[in-house]
Amino acid sequence: MAQTEESIRKALRGVKDPELNLNILDLGLVYEMAVDGSDVKIDMSLTSPGCPSGPEIMGDAERQLRSIPGVGDVAVDLVWSPPWTPDRIEPRVRAYLGF
């Protein structure tokens, strides 16, 4: 079953950075999403290379994507280019946070 970008976004909204309690989409941690039939691949980053919650966040992202009915292969790739900055935060959330 082919997936849609919207179903992927909905699943990823359930993945939160435990320190900030914000989802990874609003934080701007998801750089790219690719859907190929039932297979899903995302490129994501973390707020810093030393983020202690990195493995937990990435594992949660993979679990959420695998929980979508009909999803085949899932790849969650960690990327550092471009480096994450607070400018990547969704504008309404950035305003709420006072950036």
N, C-alpha and C. Protein backbone atom coordinates (compact mmCIF):
# COMPACT_ATOMS: atom_id res chain seq x y z
N MET A 1 0.85 -1.19 0.00
CA MET A 1 0.00 0.00 0.00
C MET A 1 0.89 1.25 0.00
N ALA A 2 0.65 2.14 -0.93
CA ALA A 2 1.45 3.36 -1.03
C ALA A 2 1.15 4.28 0.15
N GLN A 3 2.18 4.89 0.64
CA GLN A 3 2.04 5.84 1.74
C GLN A 3 1.99 7.25 1.18
N THR A 4 1.45 8.15 1.98
CA THR A 4 1.42 9.55 1.59
C THR A 4 2.31 10.34 2.54
N GLU A 5 2.78 11.46 2.06
CA GLU A 5 3.60 12.31 2.92
C GLU A 5 2.80 12.74 4.15
N GLU A 6 1.50 12.92 3.99
CA GLU A 6 0.66 13.34 5.12
C GLU A 6 0.62 12.26 6.20
N SER A 7 0.51 10.97 5.80
CA SER A 7 0.52 9.91 6.81
C SER A 7 1.86 9.84 7.53
N ILE A 8 2.93 10.13 6.80
CA ILE A 8 4.27 10.14 7.40
C ILE A 8 4.39 11.29 8.39
N ARG A 9 3.93 12.47 7.97
CA ARG A 9 3.98 13.64 8.87
C ARG A 9 3.16 13.38 10.14
N LYS A 10 1.99 12.81 9.97
CA LYS A 10 1.13 12.54 11.14
C LYS A 10 1.84 11.61 12.12
N ALA A 11 2.48 10.57 11.61
CA ALA A 11 3.20 9.64 12.48
C ALA A 11 4.37 10.34 13.18
N LEU A 12 5.10 11.17 12.44
CA LEU A 12 6.28 11.82 13.03
C LEU A 12 5.91 12.90 14.03
N ARG A 13 4.70 13.42 13.96
CA ARG A 13 4.26 14.40 14.97
C ARG A 13 4.17 13.74 16.35
N GLY A 14 4.09 12.42 16.38
CA GLY A 14 4.05 11.71 17.66
C GLY A 14 5.42 11.47 18.26
N VAL A 15 6.47 11.90 17.59
CA VAL A 15 7.84 11.71 18.09
C VAL A 15 8.30 13.03 18.70
N LYS A 16 8.59 12.99 19.99
CA LYS A 16 8.97 14.22 20.69
C LYS A 16 10.39 14.17 21.19
N ASP A 17 11.01 15.33 21.19
CA ASP A 17 12.29 15.49 21.87
C ASP A 17 11.95 15.52 23.36
N PRO A 18 12.43 14.54 24.15
CA PRO A 18 12.00 14.47 25.55
C PRO A 18 12.46 15.66 26.39
N GLU A 19 13.52 16.32 25.98
CA GLU A 19 14.00 17.47 26.77
C GLU A 19 13.16 18.72 26.50
N LEU A 20 12.73 18.89 25.24
CA LEU A 20 11.97 20.08 24.88
C LEU A 20 10.47 19.84 24.83
N ASN A 21 10.05 18.57 24.82
CA ASN A 21 8.65 18.17 24.74
C ASN A 21 7.95 18.76 23.51
N LEU A 22 8.70 18.83 22.40
CA LEU A 22 8.15 19.29 21.13
C LEU A 22 8.39 18.20 20.10
N ASN A 23 7.49 18.08 19.13
CA ASN A 23 7.67 17.03 18.13
C ASN A 23 8.79 17.39 17.15
N ILE A 24 9.34 16.36 16.53
CA ILE A 24 10.52 16.54 15.68
C ILE A 24 10.22 17.32 14.40
N LEU A 25 8.97 17.34 13.96
CA LEU A 25 8.63 18.16 12.78
C LEU A 25 8.64 19.63 13.14
N ASP A 26 7.98 20.00 14.24
CA ASP A 26 7.95 21.40 14.66
C ASP A 26 9.35 21.91 14.98
N LEU A 27 10.21 21.03 15.47
CA LEU A 27 11.59 21.43 15.78
C LEU A 27 12.45 21.56 14.53
N GLY A 28 11.95 21.09 13.41
CA GLY A 28 12.73 21.18 12.18
C GLY A 28 13.83 20.14 12.10
N LEU A 29 13.67 19.03 12.81
CA LEU A 29 14.69 17.98 12.80
C LEU A 29 14.58 17.05 11.60
N VAL A 30 13.42 17.03 10.94
CA VAL A 30 13.25 16.18 9.75
C VAL A 30 13.60 17.03 8.54
N TYR A 31 14.66 16.63 7.85
CA TYR A 31 15.15 17.39 6.70
C TYR A 31 14.48 16.94 5.40
N GLU A 32 14.32 15.62 5.22
CA GLU A 32 13.72 15.11 3.99
C GLU A 32 12.88 13.88 4.30
N MET A 33 11.82 13.72 3.51
CA MET A 33 10.99 12.52 3.57
C MET A 33 10.87 12.00 2.15
N ALA A 34 11.03 10.70 1.99
CA ALA A 34 10.86 10.09 0.67
C ALA A 34 9.95 8.88 0.82
N VAL A 35 8.96 8.81 -0.04
CA VAL A 35 8.03 7.69 -0.04
C VAL A 35 8.15 7.01 -1.40
N ASP A 36 8.43 5.72 -1.37
CA ASP A 36 8.54 4.94 -2.61
C ASP A 36 7.62 3.74 -2.45
N GLY A 37 6.37 3.89 -2.91
CA GLY A 37 5.39 2.83 -2.71
C GLY A 37 5.08 2.68 -1.23
N SER A 38 5.44 1.54 -0.67
CA SER A 38 5.19 1.32 0.76
C SER A 38 6.43 1.60 1.61
N ASP A 39 7.54 1.93 0.97
CA ASP A 39 8.80 2.17 1.70
C ASP A 39 8.94 3.65 2.05
N VAL A 40 9.50 3.90 3.23
CA VAL A 40 9.64 5.27 3.73
C VAL A 40 11.07 5.49 4.17
N LYS A 41 11.60 6.65 3.79
CA LYS A 41 12.95 7.03 4.22
C LYS A 41 12.89 8.48 4.68
N ILE A 42 13.49 8.74 5.83
CA ILE A 42 13.62 10.12 6.27
C ILE A 42 15.07 10.40 6.60
N ASP A 43 15.47 11.64 6.34
CA ASP A 43 16.75 12.17 6.80
C ASP A 43 16.41 13.13 7.92
N MET A 44 17.05 12.93 9.05
CA MET A 44 16.78 13.81 10.18
C MET A 44 18.08 14.14 10.89
N SER A 45 18.01 15.17 11.71
CA SER A 45 19.15 15.58 12.50
C SER A 45 18.72 15.65 13.96
N LEU A 46 19.62 16.09 14.78
CA LEU A 46 19.34 16.30 16.20
C LEU A 46 19.74 17.73 16.54
N THR A 47 19.34 18.20 17.69
CA THR A 47 19.66 19.58 18.04
C THR A 47 21.15 19.78 18.25
N SER A 48 21.88 18.70 18.55
CA SER A 48 23.34 18.78 18.67
C SER A 48 23.91 17.37 18.50
N PRO A 49 25.17 17.27 18.04
CA PRO A 49 25.78 15.94 17.87
C PRO A 49 25.85 15.15 19.18
N GLY A 50 25.93 15.84 20.31
CA GLY A 50 26.01 15.16 21.59
C GLY A 50 24.68 14.98 22.28
N CYS A 51 23.58 15.13 21.55
CA CYS A 51 22.24 15.03 22.14
C CYS A 51 22.07 13.68 22.83
N PRO A 52 21.89 13.68 24.15
CA PRO A 52 21.77 12.41 24.87
C PRO A 52 20.50 11.63 24.52
N SER A 53 19.51 12.30 23.97
CA SER A 53 18.26 11.64 23.61
C SER A 53 18.24 11.16 22.17
N GLY A 54 19.33 11.32 21.44
CA GLY A 54 19.38 10.96 20.02
C GLY A 54 18.91 9.55 19.72
N PRO A 55 19.48 8.53 20.36
CA PRO A 55 19.03 7.17 20.05
C PRO A 55 17.54 6.95 20.35
N GLU A 56 17.05 7.56 21.42
CA GLU A 56 15.63 7.43 21.78
C GLU A 56 14.74 8.09 20.73
N ILE A 57 15.12 9.28 20.28
CA ILE A 57 14.32 10.01 19.28
C ILE A 57 14.30 9.24 17.96
N MET A 58 15.45 8.77 17.53
CA MET A 58 15.53 8.06 16.26
C MET A 58 14.76 6.73 16.32
N GLY A 59 14.87 6.05 17.45
CA GLY A 59 14.12 4.80 17.64
C GLY A 59 12.62 5.04 17.64
N ASP A 60 12.20 6.13 18.29
CA ASP A 60 10.78 6.48 18.30
C ASP A 60 10.29 6.80 16.88
N ALA A 61 11.11 7.52 16.11
CA ALA A 61 10.72 7.85 14.73
C ALA A 61 10.53 6.56 13.93
N GLU A 62 11.46 5.64 14.06
CA GLU A 62 11.34 4.38 13.31
C GLU A 62 10.11 3.60 13.74
N ARG A 63 9.86 3.52 15.04
CA ARG A 63 8.68 2.80 15.54
C ARG A 63 7.38 3.44 15.04
N GLN A 64 7.32 4.76 15.07
CA GLN A 64 6.10 5.45 14.61
C GLN A 64 5.86 5.18 13.12
N LEU A 65 6.93 5.22 12.33
CA LEU A 65 6.78 4.97 10.89
C LEU A 65 6.36 3.53 10.63
N ARG A 66 6.93 2.59 11.36
CA ARG A 66 6.58 1.17 11.19
C ARG A 66 5.15 0.88 11.63
N SER A 67 4.60 1.74 12.49
CA SER A 67 3.24 1.51 12.99
C SER A 67 2.16 1.91 11.98
N ILE A 68 2.53 2.58 10.91
CA ILE A 68 1.56 2.98 9.89
C ILE A 68 1.17 1.73 9.10
N PRO A 69 -0.12 1.43 9.02
CA PRO A 69 -0.54 0.24 8.26
C PRO A 69 -0.03 0.28 6.82
N GLY A 70 0.56 -0.83 6.40
CA GLY A 70 1.01 -0.96 5.03
C GLY A 70 2.43 -0.49 4.75
N VAL A 71 3.11 0.04 5.76
CA VAL A 71 4.49 0.48 5.54
C VAL A 71 5.39 -0.73 5.36
N GLY A 72 6.28 -0.65 4.38
CA GLY A 72 7.26 -1.71 4.13
C GLY A 72 8.56 -1.40 4.86
N ASP A 73 9.60 -1.18 4.09
CA ASP A 73 10.90 -0.86 4.67
C ASP A 73 10.90 0.56 5.21
N VAL A 74 11.61 0.75 6.32
CA VAL A 74 11.75 2.08 6.93
C VAL A 74 13.24 2.35 7.11
N ALA A 75 13.67 3.52 6.69
CA ALA A 75 15.05 3.96 6.90
C ALA A 75 15.02 5.33 7.56
N VAL A 76 15.67 5.44 8.71
CA VAL A 76 15.82 6.72 9.40
C VAL A 76 17.31 7.02 9.40
N ASP A 77 17.71 7.99 8.59
CA ASP A 77 19.12 8.32 8.46
C ASP A 77 19.43 9.61 9.21
N LEU A 78 20.50 9.57 9.98
CA LEU A 78 20.96 10.74 10.74
C LEU A 78 21.92 11.53 9.87
N VAL A 79 21.63 12.81 9.69
CA VAL A 79 22.48 13.69 8.88
C VAL A 79 22.86 14.91 9.71
N TRP A 80 24.02 15.47 9.38
CA TRP A 80 24.50 16.65 10.11
C TRP A 80 24.69 17.85 9.19
N SER A 81 24.32 17.69 7.93
CA SER A 81 24.51 18.78 6.99
C SER A 81 23.19 19.07 6.29
N PRO A 82 22.67 20.27 6.40
CA PRO A 82 23.24 21.38 7.15
C PRO A 82 23.02 21.20 8.65
N PRO A 83 23.88 21.81 9.45
CA PRO A 83 23.70 21.69 10.91
C PRO A 83 22.35 22.29 11.33
N TRP A 84 21.73 21.67 12.32
CA TRP A 84 20.47 22.19 12.84
C TRP A 84 20.73 23.49 13.59
N THR A 85 19.82 24.44 13.42
CA THR A 85 19.84 25.68 14.21
C THR A 85 18.41 25.99 14.60
N PRO A 86 18.20 26.84 15.61
CA PRO A 86 16.83 27.20 16.00
C PRO A 86 16.02 27.83 14.87
N ASP A 87 16.69 28.33 13.82
CA ASP A 87 15.96 28.89 12.68
C ASP A 87 15.11 27.85 11.97
N ARG A 88 15.41 26.56 12.16
CA ARG A 88 14.65 25.49 11.52
C ARG A 88 13.33 25.19 12.25
N ILE A 89 13.18 25.72 13.45
CA ILE A 89 11.95 25.50 14.21
C ILE A 89 10.78 26.15 13.48
N GLU A 90 9.66 25.45 13.42
CA GLU A 90 8.42 25.96 12.82
C GLU A 90 8.17 27.37 13.38
N PRO A 91 7.91 28.38 12.53
CA PRO A 91 7.80 29.77 12.99
C PRO A 91 6.85 30.01 14.15
N ARG A 92 5.66 29.38 14.15
CA ARG A 92 4.72 29.62 15.26
C ARG A 92 5.28 29.07 16.56
N VAL A 93 6.00 27.96 16.50
CA VAL A 93 6.59 27.37 17.70
C VAL A 93 7.78 28.22 18.15
N ARG A 94 8.54 28.72 17.19
CA ARG A 94 9.69 29.58 17.51
C ARG A 94 9.20 30.83 18.24
N ALA A 95 8.09 31.40 17.78
CA ALA A 95 7.52 32.58 18.43
C ALA A 95 7.07 32.24 19.85
N TYR A 96 6.43 31.08 20.00
CA TYR A 96 5.97 30.63 21.31
C TYR A 96 7.15 30.47 22.28
N LEU A 97 8.28 29.97 21.76
CA LEU A 97 9.46 29.75 22.58
C LEU A 97 10.23 31.04 22.84
N GLY A 98 9.88 32.09 22.12
CA GLY A 98 10.55 33.37 22.32
C GLY A 98 11.81 33.56 21.50
N PHE A 99 11.95 32.81 20.43
CA PHE A 99 13.12 33.00 19.55
C PHE A 99 12.84 34.10 18.57
